[in-house]
Every structure is written in structure tokens, then in C-alpha cells.
C-alpha atoms as a PDB file:
ATOM      1  CA  ALA A   1     260.688  51.970 116.983  1.00  0.00           C
ATOM      2  CA  ARG A   2     261.065  54.397 114.123  1.00  0.00           C
ATOM      3  CA  ALA A   3     260.343  57.984 115.025  1.00  0.00           C
ATOM      4  CA  PRO A   4     259.648  60.127 111.962  1.00  0.00           C
ATOM      5  CA  VAL A   5     260.680  63.757 112.351  1.00  0.00           C
ATOM      6  CA  ALA A   6     259.899  65.085 108.889  1.00  0.00           C
ATOM      7  CA  ALA A   7     258.781  64.010 105.450  1.00  0.00           C
ATOM      8  CA  THR A   8     260.476  64.688 102.137  1.00  0.00           C
ATOM      9  CA  ALA A   9     258.703  65.675  98.951  1.00  0.00           C
ATOM     10  CA  SER A  10     258.663  62.015  97.928  1.00  0.00           C
ATOM     11  CA  GLY A  11     257.041  60.996 101.201  1.00  0.00           C
ATOM     12  CA  ASP A  12     260.132  59.405 102.763  1.00  0.00           C
ATOM     13  CA  GLU A  13     260.324  59.786 106.540  1.00  0.00           C
ATOM     14  CA  TRP A  14     263.393  60.909 108.434  1.00  0.00           C
ATOM     15  CA  CYS A  15     264.057  58.834 111.560  1.00  0.00           C
ATOM     16  CA  THR A  16     265.603  59.599 114.920  1.00  0.00           C
ATOM     17  CA  HIS A  17     266.205  55.937 115.785  1.00  0.00           C
ATOM     18  CA  GLY A  18     267.839  53.091 113.938  1.00  0.00           C
ATOM     19  CA  SER A  19     271.264  54.664 113.411  1.00  0.00           C
ATOM     20  CA  GLY A  20     273.974  54.930 116.017  1.00  0.00           C
ATOM     21  CA  ALA A  21     275.128  58.205 114.491  1.00  0.00           C
ATOM     22  CA  VAL A  22     271.992  60.124 115.512  1.00  0.00           C
ATOM     23  CA  GLY A  23     272.764  62.389 118.449  1.00  0.00           C
ATOM     24  CA  ARG A  24     276.514  62.434 117.891  1.00  0.00           C
ATOM     25  CA  ARG A  25     278.534  65.611 117.374  1.00  0.00           C
ATOM     26  CA  VAL A  26     280.147  66.419 114.035  1.00  0.00           C
ATOM     27  CA  ARG A  27     282.551  68.950 112.576  1.00  0.00           C
ATOM     28  CA  ARG A  28     282.469  70.072 108.947  1.00  0.00           C
ATOM     29  CA  PHE A  29     284.802  72.391 107.022  1.00  0.00           C
ATOM     30  CA  PHE A  30     283.695  74.904 104.400  1.00  0.00           C
ATOM     31  CA  ALA A  31     285.616  77.221 102.108  1.00  0.00           C
ATOM     32  CA  MET A  32     285.449  80.897 103.166  1.00  0.00           C
ATOM     33  CA  HIS A  33     283.852  79.831 106.452  1.00  0.00           C
ATOM     34  CA  GLY A  34     286.150  77.428 108.247  1.00  0.00           C
ATOM     35  CA  ALA A  35     285.009  74.845 110.777  1.00  0.00           C
ATOM     36  CA  SER A  36     281.384  74.379 111.751  1.00  0.00           C
ATOM     37  CA  ASP A  37     280.228  72.078 114.549  1.00  0.00           C
ATOM     38  CA  GLY A  38     276.831  70.467 114.756  1.00  0.00           C
ATOM     39  CA  GLN A  39     274.871  67.348 115.605  1.00  0.00           C
ATOM     40  CA  VAL A  40     273.290  64.467 113.708  1.00  0.00           C
ATOM     41  CA  VAL A  41     269.554  64.891 114.303  1.00  0.00           C
ATOM     42  CA  ALA A  42     267.991  62.317 111.970  1.00  0.00           C
ATOM     43  CA  TRP A  43     268.639  59.905 109.172  1.00  0.00           C
ATOM     44  CA  LEU A  44     266.868  58.611 106.072  1.00  0.00           C
ATOM     45  CA  PRO A  45     267.335  54.864 105.570  1.00  0.00           C
ATOM     46  CA  PRO A  46     268.371  53.705 102.117  1.00  0.00           C
ATOM     47  CA  LYS A  47     265.536  53.402  99.644  1.00  0.00           C
ATOM     48  CA  LEU A  48     265.138  49.888  98.261  1.00  0.00           C
ATOM     49  CA  SER A  49     264.196  49.054  94.710  1.00  0.00           C
ATOM     50  CA  ASP A  50     260.584  47.972  94.126  1.00  0.00           C
ATOM     51  CA  SER A  51     261.488  44.331  93.546  1.00  0.00           C
ATOM     52  CA  THR A  52     263.735  44.136  96.597  1.00  0.00           C
ATOM     53  CA  ALA A  53     261.229  45.901  98.807  1.00  0.00           C
ATOM     54  CA  SER A  54     258.489  43.506  97.640  1.00  0.00           C
ATOM     55  CA  ASP A  55     260.629  40.481  98.455  1.00  0.00           C
ATOM     56  CA  ALA A  56     261.449  41.957 101.835  1.00  0.00           C
ATOM     57  CA  ASP A  57     257.744  42.473 102.595  1.00  0.00           C
ATOM     58  CA  ASP A  58     256.952  38.876 101.674  1.00  0.00           C
ATOM     59  CA  ALA A  59     259.670  37.646 104.017  1.00  0.00           C
ATOM     60  CA  GLY A  60     258.436  39.802 106.864  1.00  0.00           C
ATOM     61  CA  ALA A  61     261.574  41.926 106.717  1.00  0.00           C
ATOM     62  CA  ASP A  62     259.676  45.084 107.537  1.00  0.00           C
ATOM     63  CA  GLY A  63     259.458  44.044 111.139  1.00  0.00           C
ATOM     64  CA  GLU A  64     263.188  43.446 111.292  1.00  0.00           C
ATOM     65  CA  ARG A  65     263.849  46.876 109.851  1.00  0.00           C
ATOM     66  CA  GLU A  66     261.557  48.416 112.460  1.00  0.00           C
ATOM     67  CA  ASN A  67     263.808  47.077 115.226  1.00  0.00           C
ATOM     68  CA  GLY A  68     266.874  48.277 113.365  1.00  0.00           C
ATOM     69  CA  ASP A  69     269.476  47.198 115.917  1.00  0.00           C
ATOM     70  CA  GLU A  70     270.931  44.523 113.665  1.00  0.00           C
ATOM     71  CA  ARG A  71     271.366  46.843 110.707  1.00  0.00           C
ATOM     72  CA  ASP A  72     274.683  48.487 109.869  1.00  0.00           C
ATOM     73  CA  GLY A  73     273.144  51.788 110.933  1.00  0.00           C
ATOM     74  CA  GLY A  74     271.633  50.401 114.139  1.00  0.00           C
ATOM     75  CA  ALA A  75     271.981  52.227 117.417  1.00  0.00           C
ATOM     76  CA  GLY A  76     273.562  49.208 119.029  1.00  0.00           C
ATOM     77  CA  GLY A  77     276.181  48.666 116.338  1.00  0.00           C
ATOM     78  CA  GLY A  78     276.982  52.320 115.879  1.00  0.00           C
ATOM     79  CA  GLY A  79     277.745  51.795 112.185  1.00  0.00           C
ATOM     80  CA  LEU A  80     277.052  54.362 109.502  1.00  0.00           C
ATOM     81  CA  LYS A  81     275.920  52.446 106.430  1.00  0.00           C
ATOM     82  CA  GLY A  82     272.244  51.734 106.654  1.00  0.00           C
ATOM     83  CA  GLU A  83     271.826  48.840 104.214  1.00  0.00           C
ATOM     84  CA  ASP A  84     273.753  46.280 102.198  1.00  0.00           C
ATOM     85  CA  ASP A  85     275.024  47.854  98.968  1.00  0.00           C
ATOM     86  CA  ALA A  86     273.627  44.926  96.987  1.00  0.00           C
ATOM     87  CA  THR A  87     270.033  45.749  97.998  1.00  0.00           C
ATOM     88  CA  GLU A  88     269.964  49.540  98.086  1.00  0.00           C
ATOM     89  CA  GLU A  89     268.878  51.752  95.237  1.00  0.00           C
ATOM     90  CA  GLU A  90     269.557  55.091  96.896  1.00  0.00           C
ATOM     91  CA  PRO A  91     272.111  55.598  99.697  1.00  0.00           C
ATOM     92  CA  ALA A  92     271.175  56.520 103.225  1.00  0.00           C
ATOM     93  CA  LEU A  93     271.329  60.172 104.253  1.00  0.00           C
ATOM     94  CA  TRP A  94     271.995  61.842 107.588  1.00  0.00           C
ATOM     95  CA  ARG A  95     270.677  65.262 108.545  1.00  0.00           C
ATOM     96  CA  LEU A  96     273.082  67.579 110.371  1.00  0.00           C
ATOM     97  CA  LEU A  97     271.954  70.586 112.398  1.00  0.00           C
ATOM     98  CA  HIS A  98     274.828  73.015 112.765  1.00  0.00           C
ATOM     99  CA  ASP A  99     275.211  75.179 115.835  1.00  0.00           C
ATOM    100  CA  ASP A 100     274.613  78.284 113.712  1.00  0.00           C
ATOM    101  CA  GLY A 101     271.227  76.939 112.612  1.00  0.00           C
ATOM    102  CA  ASP A 102     272.189  75.695 109.148  1.00  0.00           C
ATOM    103  CA  VAL A 103     270.998  72.257 108.095  1.00  0.00           C
ATOM    104  CA  GLU A 104     272.637  69.913 105.584  1.00  0.00           C
ATOM    105  CA  GLU A 105     272.258  66.313 104.514  1.00  0.00           C
ATOM    106  CA  VAL A 106     275.277  64.075 103.972  1.00  0.00           C
ATOM    107  CA  GLU A 107     276.018  60.535 102.833  1.00  0.00           C
ATOM    108  CA  ALA A 108     277.945  57.888 104.762  1.00  0.00           C
ATOM    109  CA  ASP A 109     281.473  58.834 103.711  1.00  0.00           C
ATOM    110  CA  GLU A 110     280.916  62.514 104.524  1.00  0.00           C
ATOM    111  CA  LEU A 111     279.373  61.597 107.866  1.00  0.00           C
ATOM    112  CA  GLU A 112     282.299  59.371 108.821  1.00  0.00           C
ATOM    113  CA  GLU A 113     284.693  62.205 108.063  1.00  0.00           C
ATOM    114  CA  ALA A 114     282.607  64.715 110.062  1.00  0.00           C
ATOM    115  CA  LEU A 115     282.426  62.389 113.067  1.00  0.00           C
ATOM    116  CA  ALA A 116     286.162  61.754 112.955  1.00  0.00           C
ATOM    117  CA  ALA A 117     286.952  65.474 112.632  1.00  0.00           C
ATOM    118  CA  HIS A 118     284.956  66.280 115.765  1.00  0.00           C
ATOM    119  CA  ALA A 119     286.338  63.345 117.734  1.00  0.00           C
ATOM    120  CA  GLU A 120     289.898  64.433 116.868  1.00  0.00           C
ATOM    121  CA  ALA A 121     289.134  68.111 117.569  1.00  0.00           C
ATOM    122  CA  ARG A 122     290.611  68.710 114.117  1.00  0.00           C
ATOM    123  CA  THR A 123     291.590  72.304 113.318  1.00  0.00           C
ATOM    124  CA  VAL A 124     291.262  74.116 109.997  1.00  0.00           C
ATOM    125  CA  GLN A 125     295.038  73.945 109.535  1.00  0.00           C
ATOM    126  CA  GLN A 126     295.037  70.188 110.111  1.00  0.00           C
ATOM    127  CA  GLU A 127     292.179  69.786 107.636  1.00  0.00           C
ATOM    128  CA  VAL A 128     294.082  71.776 105.000  1.00  0.00           C
ATOM    129  CA  GLU A 129     297.127  69.557 105.529  1.00  0.00           C
ATOM    130  CA  LEU A 130     295.005  66.441 105.074  1.00  0.00           C
ATOM    131  CA  ILE A 131     293.508  67.832 101.865  1.00  0.00           C
ATOM    132  CA  LEU A 132     296.947  68.711 100.505  1.00  0.00           C
ATOM    133  CA  GLU A 133     298.225  65.252 101.410  1.00  0.00           C
ATOM    134  CA  ALA A 134     295.299  63.605  99.611  1.00  0.00           C
ATOM    135  CA  ALA A 135     295.809  65.834  96.577  1.00  0.00           C
ATOM    136  CA  TRP A 136     299.510  65.015  96.583  1.00  0.00           C
ATOM    137  CA  GLU A 137     298.810  61.282  96.658  1.00  0.00           C
ATOM    138  CA  ALA A 138     296.284  61.612  93.820  1.00  0.00           C
ATOM    139  CA  LEU A 139     298.765  63.544  91.693  1.00  0.00           C
ATOM    140  CA  GLU A 140     301.524  61.029  92.382  1.00  0.00           C
ATOM    141  CA  MET A 141     299.178  58.249  91.343  1.00  0.00           C
ATOM    142  CA  ALA A 142     298.344  60.133  88.149  1.00  0.00           C
ATOM    143  CA  VAL A 143     302.051  60.547  87.382  1.00  0.00           C
ATOM    144  CA  ALA A 144     302.634  56.830  87.969  1.00  0.00           C
ATOM    145  CA  LEU A 145     299.725  55.828  85.735  1.00  0.00           C
ATOM    146  CA  TYR A 146     300.674  58.172  82.910  1.00  0.00           C
ATOM    147  CA  SER A 147     304.312  57.091  83.218  1.00  0.00           C
ATOM    148  CA  ASP A 148     303.293  53.432  82.827  1.00  0.00           C
ATOM    149  CA  ASP A 149     301.244  54.331  79.752  1.00  0.00           C
ATOM    150  CA  ASP A 150     304.153  56.273  78.317  1.00  0.00           C
ATOM    151  CA  LYS A 151     306.557  53.354  78.824  1.00  0.00           C
ATOM    152  CA  THR A 152     304.116  50.936  77.212  1.00  0.00           C
ATOM    153  CA  ASP A 153     303.540  53.220  74.235  1.00  0.00           C
ATOM    154  CA  THR A 154     307.278  53.855  73.855  1.00  0.00           C
ATOM    155  CA  THR A 155     307.960  50.106  73.824  1.00  0.00           C
ATOM    156  CA  THR A 156     305.271  49.579  71.208  1.00  0.00           C
ATOM    157  CA  THR A 157     306.661  52.404  69.084  1.00  0.00           C
ATOM    158  CA  THR A 158     310.191  50.996  69.320  1.00  0.00           C
ATOM    159  CA  THR A 159     309.028  47.529  68.276  1.00  0.00           C
ATOM    160  CA  THR A 160     307.115  48.954  65.345  1.00  0.00           C
ATOM    161  CA  THR A 161     310.094  51.032  64.269  1.00  0.00           C
ATOM    162  CA  THR A 162     312.415  48.033  64.397  1.00  0.00           C
ATOM    163  CA  THR A 163     310.257  46.141  61.928  1.00  0.00           C
ATOM    164  CA  THR A 164     309.869  49.057  59.516  1.00  0.00           C
ATOM    165  CA  THR A 165     310.271  47.994  55.880  1.00  0.00           C
ATOM    166  CA  PRO A 166     313.059  49.447  53.714  1.00  0.00           C
ATOM    167  CA  ALA A 167     310.479  51.403  51.749  1.00  0.00           C
ATOM    168  CA  ALA A 168     309.701  53.376  54.905  1.00  0.00           C
ATOM    169  CA  ALA A 169     313.293  54.498  55.395  1.00  0.00           C
ATOM    170  CA  ASN A 170     314.350  58.101  54.938  1.00  0.00           C
ATOM    171  CA  SER A 171     317.124  59.425  52.699  1.00  0.00           C
ATOM    172  CA  THR A 172     319.815  58.586  55.249  1.00  0.00           C
ATOM    173  CA  GLY A 173     318.703  54.967  55.405  1.00  0.00           C
ATOM    174  CA  SER A 174     317.353  55.137  58.990  1.00  0.00           C
ATOM    175  CA  ALA A 175     313.850  53.941  59.764  1.00  0.00           C
ATOM    176  CA  VAL A 176     311.102  56.531  59.939  1.00  0.00           C
ATOM    177  CA  PRO A 177     309.285  56.231  63.294  1.00  0.00           C
ATOM    178  CA  PRO A 178     305.517  55.993  63.105  1.00  0.00           C
ATOM    179  CA  ALA A 179     303.604  59.182  63.754  1.00  0.00           C
ATOM    180  CA  THR A 180     302.578  59.733  67.361  1.00  0.00           C
ATOM    181  CA  THR A 181     298.886  59.106  67.838  1.00  0.00           C
ATOM    182  CA  GLU A 182     296.710  61.872  69.231  1.00  0.00           C
ATOM    183  CA  SER A 183     295.872  59.779  72.306  1.00  0.00           C
ATOM    184  CA  LEU A 184     299.556  59.219  73.069  1.00  0.00           C
ATOM    185  CA  ARG A 185     300.250  62.934  72.644  1.00  0.00           C
ATOM    186  CA  ALA A 186     297.404  63.742  75.039  1.00  0.00           C
ATOM    187  CA  ARG A 187     298.715  61.282  77.649  1.00  0.00           C
ATOM    188  CA  ARG A 188     302.240  62.688  77.492  1.00  0.00           C
ATOM    189  CA  LEU A 189     300.914  66.212  77.836  1.00  0.00           C
ATOM    190  CA  ALA A 190     298.789  65.094  80.805  1.00  0.00           C
ATOM    191  CA  LEU A 191     301.889  63.526  82.387  1.00  0.00           C
ATOM    192  CA  ALA A 192     303.780  66.803  82.064  1.00  0.00           C
ATOM    193  CA  GLN A 193     300.859  68.711  83.571  1.00  0.00           C
ATOM    194  CA  ALA A 194     300.653  66.238  86.477  1.00  0.00           C
ATOM    195  CA  HIS A 195     304.316  66.935  87.252  1.00  0.00           C
ATOM    196  CA  GLU A 196     303.547  70.667  87.140  1.00  0.00           C
ATOM    197  CA  ARG A 197     300.650  70.264  89.584  1.00  0.00           C
ATOM    198  CA  LEU A 198     302.900  68.280  91.927  1.00  0.00           C
ATOM    199  CA  ALA A 199     305.362  71.155  91.720  1.00  0.00           C
ATOM    200  CA  ASP A 200     302.606  73.612  92.653  1.00  0.00           C
ATOM    201  CA  ALA A 201     301.708  71.493  95.681  1.00  0.00           C
ATOM    202  CA  ALA A 202     305.370  71.265  96.680  1.00  0.00           C
ATOM    203  CA  LEU A 203     305.787  75.044  96.482  1.00  0.00           C
ATOM    204  CA  GLN A 204     302.684  75.570  98.633  1.00  0.00           C
ATOM    205  CA  ASN A 205     304.177  73.106 101.104  1.00  0.00           C
ATOM    206  CA  GLU A 206     307.461  75.050 101.090  1.00  0.00           C
ATOM    207  CA  GLN A 207     309.402  72.293  99.326  1.00  0.00           C
ATOM    208  CA  PRO A 208     311.090  74.112  96.406  1.00  0.00           C
ATOM    209  CA  GLU A 209     313.645  71.336  95.858  1.00  0.00           C
ATOM    210  CA  ARG A 210     310.859  68.828  95.243  1.00  0.00           C
ATOM    211  CA  ALA A 211     309.119  71.360  92.992  1.00  0.00           C
ATOM    212  CA  LEU A 212     312.331  71.752  90.992  1.00  0.00           C
ATOM    213  CA  GLN A 213     312.481  67.991  90.415  1.00  0.00           C
ATOM    214  CA  GLU A 214     308.878  67.864  89.205  1.00  0.00           C
ATOM    215  CA  LEU A 215     309.258  70.880  86.914  1.00  0.00           C
ATOM    216  CA  THR A 216     312.464  69.476  85.463  1.00  0.00           C
ATOM    217  CA  GLN A 217     310.568  66.295  84.574  1.00  0.00           C
ATOM    218  CA  ALA A 218     307.756  68.337  83.032  1.00  0.00           C
ATOM    219  CA  LYS A 219     310.230  70.336  80.956  1.00  0.00           C
ATOM    220  CA  ARG A 220     311.929  67.141  79.770  1.00  0.00           C
ATOM    221  CA  ILE A 221     308.630  65.622  78.616  1.00  0.00           C
ATOM    222  CA  LEU A 222     307.528  68.806  76.861  1.00  0.00           C
ATOM    223  CA  GLY A 223     310.932  69.139  75.205  1.00  0.00           C
ATOM    224  CA  GLU A 224     310.752  65.573  73.900  1.00  0.00           C
ATOM    225  CA  MET A 225     307.265  66.250  72.523  1.00  0.00           C
ATOM    226  CA  ARG A 226     308.515  69.392  70.778  1.00  0.00           C
ATOM    227  CA  ASP A 227     311.476  67.537  69.287  1.00  0.00           C
ATOM    228  CA  ARG A 228     309.144  64.795  67.992  1.00  0.00           C
ATOM    229  CA  GLY A 229     306.892  67.375  66.406  1.00  0.00           C
ATOM    230  CA  ASP A 230     304.072  66.598  68.841  1.00  0.00           C
ATOM    231  CA  LEU A 231     304.185  70.100  70.302  1.00  0.00           C
ATOM    232  CA  PRO A 232     304.629  73.424  68.465  1.00  0.00           C
ATOM    233  CA  ALA A 233     307.833  75.297  69.283  1.00  0.00           C
ATOM    234  CA  ASP A 234     305.731  78.237  70.523  1.00  0.00           C
ATOM    235  CA  ASP A 235     303.334  76.166  72.645  1.00  0.00           C
ATOM    236  CA  ARG A 236     302.310  78.029  75.803  1.00  0.00           C
ATOM    237  CA  HIS A 237     303.144  75.036  78.045  1.00  0.00           C
ATOM    238  CA  LEU A 238     306.841  75.449  77.238  1.00  0.00           C
ATOM    239  CA  ALA A 239     306.841  79.071  78.410  1.00  0.00           C
ATOM    240  CA  ASP A 240     304.754  78.280  81.497  1.00  0.00           C
ATOM    241  CA  VAL A 241     307.157  75.627  82.759  1.00  0.00           C
ATOM    242  CA  GLU A 242     310.125  77.974  82.257  1.00  0.00           C
ATOM    243  CA  PHE A 243     308.341  80.675  84.255  1.00  0.00           C
ATOM    244  CA  SER A 244     307.562  78.191  87.052  1.00  0.00           C
ATOM    245  CA  LEU A 245     311.198  77.088  87.098  1.00  0.00           C
ATOM    246  CA  GLY A 246     312.164  80.734  87.518  1.00  0.00           C
ATOM    247  CA  LEU A 247     309.859  81.112  90.519  1.00  0.00           C
ATOM    248  CA  THR A 248     311.199  77.907  92.045  1.00  0.00           C
ATOM    249  CA  GLN A 249     314.826  78.885  91.598  1.00  0.00           C
ATOM    250  CA  LEU A 250     314.103  82.175  93.372  1.00  0.00           C
ATOM    251  CA  GLN A 251     312.666  80.280  96.344  1.00  0.00           C
ATOM    252  CA  ILE A 252     315.734  78.063  96.429  1.00  0.00           C
ATOM    253  CA  GLY A 253     317.917  81.182  96.347  1.00  0.00           C
ATOM    254  CA  SER A 254     319.471  80.894  92.897  1.00  0.00           C
ATOM    255  CA  ALA A 255     318.742  84.271  91.333  1.00  0.00           C
ATOM    256  CA  THR A 256     321.052  83.601  88.372  1.00  0.00           C
ATOM    257  CA  ARG A 257     319.201  80.428  87.363  1.00  0.00           C
ATOM    258  CA  ALA A 258     315.861  82.137  87.943  1.00  0.00           C
ATOM    259  CA  LYS A 259     316.867  84.921  85.562  1.00  0.00           C
ATOM    260  CA  GLU A 260     317.862  82.362  82.911  1.00  0.00           C
ATOM    261  CA  HIS A 261     314.478  80.635  83.084  1.00  0.00           C
ATOM    262  CA  TYR A 262     312.612  83.952  83.000  1.00  0.00           C
ATOM    263  CA  GLU A 263     314.566  85.045  79.938  1.00  0.00           C
ATOM    264  CA  GLN A 264     313.832  81.751  78.201  1.00  0.00           C
ATOM    265  CA  ALA A 265     310.126  82.190  79.015  1.00  0.00           C
ATOM    266  CA  VAL A 266     310.255  85.640  77.411  1.00  0.00           C
ATOM    267  CA  VAL A 267     311.829  84.236  74.244  1.00  0.00           C
ATOM    268  CA  LEU A 268     309.164  81.531  73.967  1.00  0.00           C
ATOM    269  CA  LEU A 269     306.354  84.018  74.548  1.00  0.00           C
ATOM    270  CA  GLN A 270     307.821  86.408  71.996  1.00  0.00           C
ATOM    271  CA  LEU A 271     307.932  83.536  69.506  1.00  0.00           C
ATOM    272  CA  ARG A 272     304.299  82.804  70.247  1.00  0.00           C
ATOM    273  CA  ARG A 273     303.364  86.475  69.896  1.00  0.00           C
ATOM    274  CA  ALA A 274     305.200  86.666  66.568  1.00  0.00           C
ATOM    275  CA  GLY A 275     303.130  83.744  65.318  1.00  0.00           C
ATOM    276  CA  PHE A 276     299.937  85.548  66.272  1.00  0.00           C
ATOM    277  CA  GLN A 277     301.187  88.757  64.666  1.00  0.00           C
ATOM    278  CA  LYS A 278     301.797  86.817  61.452  1.00  0.00           C
ATOM    279  CA  SER A 279     298.277  85.383  61.689  1.00  0.00           C
ATOM    280  CA  ALA A 280     296.886  88.877  62.272  1.00  0.00           C
ATOM    281  CA  ILE A 281     298.575  90.173  59.111  1.00  0.00           C
ATOM    282  CA  GLU A 282     297.276  87.203  57.128  1.00  0.00           C
ATOM    283  CA  ALA A 283     293.766  87.784  58.502  1.00  0.00           C
ATOM    284  CA  GLU A 284     293.963  91.469  57.552  1.00  0.00           C
ATOM    285  CA  ILE A 285     295.145  90.579  54.028  1.00  0.00           C
ATOM    286  CA  ALA A 286     292.246  88.125  53.669  1.00  0.00           C
ATOM    287  CA  GLN A 287     289.804  90.773  54.884  1.00  0.00           C
ATOM    288  CA  LEU A 288     291.117  93.419  52.483  1.00  0.00           C
ATOM    289  CA  SER A 289     291.136  90.927  49.593  1.00  0.00           C
ATOM    290  CA  THR A 290     287.506  90.065  50.297  1.00  0.00           C
ATOM    291  CA  GLN A 291     286.559  93.743  50.435  1.00  0.00           C
ATOM    292  CA  ALA A 292     288.406  94.464  47.201  1.00  0.00           C
ATOM    293  CA  ALA A 293     286.720  91.579  45.407  1.00  0.00           C
ATOM    294  CA  ALA A 294     283.280  92.628  46.658  1.00  0.00           C
ATOM    295  CA  SER A 295     283.862  96.250  45.631  1.00  0.00           C
ATOM    296  CA  SER A 296     285.029  95.408  42.118  1.00  0.00           C
ATOM    297  CA  SER A 297     282.140  93.033  41.452  1.00  0.00           C
ATOM    298  CA  GLY A 298     279.507  95.152  43.163  1.00  0.00           C
ATOM    299  CA  ASP A 299     278.353  92.004  44.986  1.00  0.00           C
ATOM    300  CA  GLY A 300     277.471  92.412  48.641  1.00  0.00           C
ATOM    301  CA  ALA A 301     277.079  88.693  49.218  1.00  0.00           C
ATOM    302  CA  SER A 302     280.523  88.461  50.803  1.00  0.00           C
ATOM    303  CA  HIS A 303     279.551  90.626  53.791  1.00  0.00           C
ATOM    304  CA  GLY A 304     279.465  87.579  56.036  1.00  0.00           C
ATOM    305  CA  GLY A 305     283.016  86.656  55.056  1.00  0.00           C
ATOM    306  CA  ILE A 306     284.218  90.159  55.872  1.00  0.00           C
ATOM    307  CA  GLU A 307     282.613  90.053  59.329  1.00  0.00           C
ATOM    308  CA  SER A 308     284.179  86.652  59.996  1.00  0.00           C
ATOM    309  CA  SER A 309     287.624  87.960  59.070  1.00  0.00           C
ATOM    310  CA  ARG A 310     287.157  90.965  61.342  1.00  0.00           C
ATOM    311  CA  SER A 311     286.124  88.741  64.234  1.00  0.00           C
ATOM    312  CA  THR A 312     289.178  86.514  63.763  1.00  0.00           C
ATOM    313  CA  SER A 313     291.458  89.530  63.555  1.00  0.00           C
ATOM    314  CA  THR A 314     290.016  90.995  66.771  1.00  0.00           C
ATOM    315  CA  GLU A 315     290.561  87.749  68.702  1.00  0.00           C
ATOM    316  CA  ILE A 316     294.138  87.516  67.492  1.00  0.00           C
ATOM    317  CA  LYS A 317     294.882  91.110  68.444  1.00  0.00           C
ATOM    318  CA  ARG A 318     293.448  90.497  71.906  1.00  0.00           C
ATOM    319  CA  GLU A 319     295.776  87.508  72.370  1.00  0.00           C
ATOM    320  CA  ILE A 320     298.741  89.566  71.142  1.00  0.00           C
ATOM    321  CA  ALA A 321     297.955  92.280  73.694  1.00  0.00           C
ATOM    322  CA  LEU A 322     297.683  89.733  76.525  1.00  0.00           C
ATOM    323  CA  LEU A 323     301.012  88.155  75.602  1.00  0.00           C
ATOM    324  CA  GLY A 324     302.576  91.600  75.546  1.00  0.00           C
ATOM    325  CA  GLU A 325     301.444  92.231  79.126  1.00  0.00           C
ATOM    326  CA  ILE A 326     302.855  88.907  80.305  1.00  0.00           C
ATOM    327  CA  ILE A 327     306.168  89.530  78.543  1.00  0.00           C
ATOM    328  CA  ASP A 328     306.465  92.984  80.126  1.00  0.00           C
ATOM    329  CA  ASP A 329     305.747  91.520  83.574  1.00  0.00           C
ATOM    330  CA  ILE A 330     308.480  88.883  83.214  1.00  0.00           C
ATOM    331  CA  LYS A 331     310.941  91.465  81.894  1.00  0.00           C
ATOM    332  CA  THR A 332     310.249  93.539  85.008  1.00  0.00           C
ATOM    333  CA  ARG A 333     311.080  90.521  87.163  1.00  0.00           C
ATOM    334  CA  VAL A 334     314.340  90.048  85.260  1.00  0.00           C
ATOM    335  CA  GLN A 335     315.243  93.716  85.816  1.00  0.00           C
ATOM    336  CA  GLU A 336     314.517  93.404  89.537  1.00  0.00           C
ATOM    337  CA  ILE A 337     316.799  90.366  89.785  1.00  0.00           C
ATOM    338  CA  SER A 338     319.551  92.234  87.919  1.00  0.00           C
ATOM    339  CA  SER A 339     319.151  95.288  90.155  1.00  0.00           C
ATOM    340  CA  ALA A 340     319.267  93.188  93.316  1.00  0.00           C
ATOM    341  CA  ALA A 341     322.442  91.459  92.086  1.00  0.00           C
ATOM    342  CA  ALA A 342     324.071  94.811  91.301  1.00  0.00           C
ATOM    343  CA  ASN A 343     323.403  96.060  94.831  1.00  0.00           C
END
């Protein structure tokens, strides 16, 4: 029989019978806390939709649910899912009482993982490894998906270029490729970033050679985008990948290559800073021009334009200062590499 232990705000009753998970030990992992053991103390069967519940009442299904042993969550079967997905409106929940007194409610997939973790006596280190492995697989899948998209889009672009009319040819007589769509640009950038994230995971897993492969792929994609005009020459992604390559080469033990990548990152960041400095000068000229026009006409209506120009100029100067700090930091790294090589 069902044994209610508490009622929710909606009137639903938590049960201590009807699920084989009740009474079993669990282990959960939390950031900044680590592992926490506990026990399943109750469960809340899935809530059926009004129409389904009405049909079940007419068929006398309430009595079958009271017995509960034939359900997926029955004590005899030991399963975790409390009802067929086709008939449930809200998923079943299980209440966990941790040994430190904390209480939480989890769904079936979280419960399965908690039960398995306790049964395996899983440690925090093992849990971290599993999380990294899952993240790695997800990133690899993302790379594969974006790569397929890129191949498809490249094939389409090539076909379109082949059939370009003479009127669309440039001065040298070669066909002008169609402009890259924004969606294609976004997918290629996402592919490069996925390679970078895989490199991060590889470095954390002490696999610098694998990280080097991923970063090299990311750099290739970004370079192709820059050459196509899909990415500005001073885009921050280009500098970031060079910096990451420098870090990776240091882990591998190639200080010379690391220094080369760091120096290239500095050049790209200096180019980016120069662009902002140019924008800052242009913003200052616009601000002064607005002030001069307002002063000569005696019209104060342009005050809002002046404030807008000042705000833009302040944001640009802040970005310039930040880039300067990053450049100085990388230059310090280059000097340290040079000093170590001299000794």
C-alpha cells in the first residue's frame, strides 16, 4: 500500500512504497563540496494528465497503481522510472536525505547516476574523470557535426562558383566566389572554437600533443576565414589561438616555438589596439566637432550627441588599456623564455 510521508504545495503525496529505489544508498557530487552520501527516503509518482487519469480511473487502474509492484518503479522490479513516458505529464521524483541532513529531489537519470556512484564506491577523482570524458565526447561530436556542415557548405559554394556567369568574373577572368553567408561564418567560427575547447580539455588531461593538433586545426580554420574576408585581421580569436599555441609548446618543451607564437599574439593584439586607438581618435574628433558646432550656433540641443560620443570614447579607451595589459603580460613571458634560454 502507498504510505504518504509528506504533501507538496499542490497536494501530491510522497510515498515510501512502490519504488524499488526507496531505502537504497546514494552518492552525489557537488562543486566546492565533493562527495555526499545519503539515502532515498521517498518518491513522488509521475503526475498524469487529466484525460489520462480519467481514463485510468474508469478502467479501475487506481487499484493497480496502489499495488505498484508491476510498475517500472515497483519494489519488486527495482526499476527507477515510475510510469510510461507516453502517459506521464510530469516525471517522477525521488527524495534524497543526505547524511549531513540536507534534502534534495532528483529525477530518474540523476537517481540512476547516484545509485551507481554509491554502488561503485566512486571517488571524486573518478567522477571528475568521467565528467571530462563526457565533455570530451561532446566536443568531439560538435567538431564532427560542424565539420560535416563545413564540407557540405564548401561543396555547395564550389558548385555555385563553377556555374558563375561571365558577367560575374573579375578583371583577371576568374570567377568571383559568392559571399559567405553569416550562418556559414558562424558555423566555421564555432568549429574553430570547438577545436580550442578540445585543446583545453587535452591540456587539463596532460596531453599537450593532442592539444597542439586541435589548436593547429583551429588556427587553420581561422586563417582561412581571415583570408576569405570572413574574419577581420585583428580579430581577437586569432591572437587567442596563438597564445594557446605558445602555452602548449611550452608544455611540450619547445621554448623556441612557444616564443614565436607569443610574439605573433603580441603583433595581432597590437594591431587590434591600433584599430581601437584609431577609433578613439575618430570619436574624439566627432565629439569636438559636435561641441564646436553647438558653440558656434548657440544651440544646446546637441548635448545628447556629445554625451554619446564621450561614452563611446570611454569604452574604447577602456578596451585599449586592457589590451595594453595583456600585451605587457605576453611580452614578459617572451622575456622569461629568452632569459631561460640564455642561461
